């Protein structure tokens, strides 16, 4: 097999993936850059080996935890009202905005729904 520019002749080990994952932020493109390979090669490696997948999940979890920590800090320390409202909508169903949408046909006409040839607008 010919050299493809990454120094590995197109063959990677699980350990090479595991060593490259820290600092990628859970972004496949960043992993591909560190490995000097195509995006699909990086993604395939994540899915191929359970140990690599676990290392990838750990990297993704670190980023998620950091983001959550930033949000909580903005709420607690900065008393950021917009972030607080967003957090409530995201985390607590009681705070979900209540939306009601009316759907009509062309020019406000009713929409007919047929189920098994029966028109539901007929009260069946």
Protein backbone atom coordinates (compact mmCIF):
# COMPACT_ATOMS: atom_id res chain seq x y z
CA UNK A 1 0.00 0.00 0.00
CA UNK A 2 1.39 3.41 -0.87
CA UNK A 3 2.08 6.21 1.57
CA UNK A 4 -0.96 8.53 1.78
CA UNK A 5 0.60 11.49 3.54
CA UNK A 6 -0.37 10.63 7.10
CA UNK A 7 2.58 8.33 7.70
CA UNK A 8 0.38 5.34 8.49
CA UNK A 9 -0.22 3.97 4.98
CA UNK A 10 -3.93 4.35 5.61
CA UNK A 11 -3.88 2.04 8.64
CA UNK A 12 -4.58 3.41 12.06
CA UNK A 13 -4.72 1.72 15.42
CA UNK A 14 -7.27 2.29 18.13
CA UNK A 15 -4.51 3.75 20.29
CA UNK A 16 -3.68 6.39 17.66
CA UNK A 17 -7.31 7.46 17.73
CA UNK A 18 -7.43 7.50 21.54
CA UNK A 19 -4.25 9.58 21.69
CA UNK A 20 -5.63 12.10 19.16
CA UNK A 21 -9.05 12.60 20.77
CA UNK A 22 -8.15 14.92 23.71
CA UNK A 23 -8.63 18.55 22.75
CA UNK A 24 -10.89 17.88 19.77
CA UNK A 25 -13.94 19.11 21.64
CA UNK A 26 -15.93 16.20 20.24
CA UNK A 27 -15.68 17.56 16.70
CA UNK A 28 -14.90 14.93 14.07
CA UNK A 29 -13.16 17.44 11.79
CA UNK A 30 -10.73 18.30 14.58
CA UNK A 31 -9.95 14.60 15.06
CA UNK A 32 -9.40 14.18 11.31
CA UNK A 33 -6.99 17.13 11.32
CA UNK A 34 -5.01 15.68 14.22
CA UNK A 35 -4.86 12.27 12.53
CA UNK A 36 -4.20 13.80 9.09
CA UNK A 37 -7.01 11.80 7.53
CA UNK A 38 -10.41 12.30 5.93
CA UNK A 39 -13.48 13.13 8.03
CA UNK A 40 -15.06 9.76 7.14
CA UNK A 41 -11.93 7.89 8.24
CA UNK A 42 -12.03 9.64 11.60
CA UNK A 43 -15.75 8.97 12.00
CA UNK A 44 -15.32 5.32 10.99
CA UNK A 45 -12.60 4.88 13.61
CA UNK A 46 -14.87 6.25 16.32
CA UNK A 47 -17.51 3.68 15.41
CA UNK A 48 -15.10 0.80 14.78
CA UNK A 49 -13.48 0.32 18.18
CA UNK A 50 -15.42 0.34 21.48
CA UNK A 51 -12.41 1.81 23.32
CA UNK A 52 -12.20 4.68 20.85
CA UNK A 53 -15.95 5.24 21.06
CA UNK A 54 -15.67 5.45 24.87
CA UNK A 55 -12.80 7.94 24.65
CA UNK A 56 -14.86 9.96 22.14
CA UNK A 57 -17.91 9.93 24.43
CA UNK A 58 -15.71 11.13 27.30
CA UNK A 59 -14.42 14.04 25.20
CA UNK A 60 -17.96 14.99 24.17
CA UNK A 61 -19.13 14.77 27.80
CA UNK A 62 -16.33 17.11 28.92
CA UNK A 63 -17.51 19.75 26.47
CA UNK A 64 -21.14 19.32 27.49
CA UNK A 65 -20.21 19.57 31.18
CA UNK A 66 -18.19 22.73 30.51
CA UNK A 67 -21.07 24.32 28.61
CA UNK A 68 -23.50 23.43 31.37
CA UNK A 69 -21.09 24.84 33.95
CA UNK A 70 -20.89 28.11 31.98
CA UNK A 71 -24.69 28.36 31.85
CA UNK A 72 -25.07 27.67 35.57
CA UNK A 73 -22.35 30.24 36.38
CA UNK A 74 -24.15 32.84 34.23
CA UNK A 75 -27.38 32.17 36.11
CA UNK A 76 -25.94 32.00 39.64
CA UNK A 77 -23.10 34.52 39.56
CA UNK A 78 -24.22 36.97 36.88
CA UNK A 79 -27.96 36.66 37.58
CA UNK A 80 -28.47 36.55 33.82
CA UNK A 81 -32.25 36.70 33.32
CA UNK A 82 -32.23 35.65 29.64
CA UNK A 83 -30.09 32.60 30.40
CA UNK A 84 -32.29 31.77 33.38
CA UNK A 85 -35.44 31.83 31.22
CA UNK A 86 -33.77 29.71 28.55
CA UNK A 87 -32.67 27.17 31.20
CA UNK A 88 -36.19 26.87 32.58
CA UNK A 89 -37.70 26.31 29.14
CA UNK A 90 -35.03 23.74 28.32
CA UNK A 91 -35.09 21.81 31.60
CA UNK A 92 -38.61 22.16 32.98
CA UNK A 93 -41.72 21.29 30.90
CA UNK A 94 -43.89 23.53 33.09
CA UNK A 95 -42.10 26.53 31.62
CA UNK A 96 -42.48 25.52 27.97
CA UNK A 97 -44.23 28.24 25.99
CA UNK A 98 -47.82 27.26 25.26
CA UNK A 99 -48.46 27.66 21.57
CA UNK A 100 -51.68 27.16 19.73
CA UNK A 101 -51.68 27.03 15.95
CA UNK A 102 -54.67 27.00 13.69
CA UNK A 103 -54.18 25.35 10.35
CA UNK A 104 -56.49 26.09 7.48
CA UNK A 105 -56.68 25.29 3.83
CA UNK A 106 -56.46 27.74 0.97
CA UNK A 107 -58.19 31.06 1.72
CA UNK A 108 -59.13 29.86 5.23
CA UNK A 109 -61.14 26.86 4.07
CA UNK A 110 -61.32 23.80 6.29
CA UNK A 111 -58.92 20.95 5.69
CA UNK A 112 -60.62 17.65 5.02
CA UNK A 113 -59.02 14.59 6.58
CA UNK A 114 -59.92 11.25 5.11
CA UNK A 115 -59.24 8.04 7.01
CA UNK A 116 -60.09 4.88 5.15
CA UNK A 117 -62.26 6.94 2.81
CA UNK A 118 -64.26 8.44 5.71
CA UNK A 119 -64.29 12.24 6.03
CA UNK A 120 -63.50 13.07 9.69
CA UNK A 121 -65.23 16.45 9.29
CA UNK A 122 -68.55 14.61 9.01
CA UNK A 123 -68.45 13.78 12.73
CA UNK A 124 -67.85 10.05 12.32
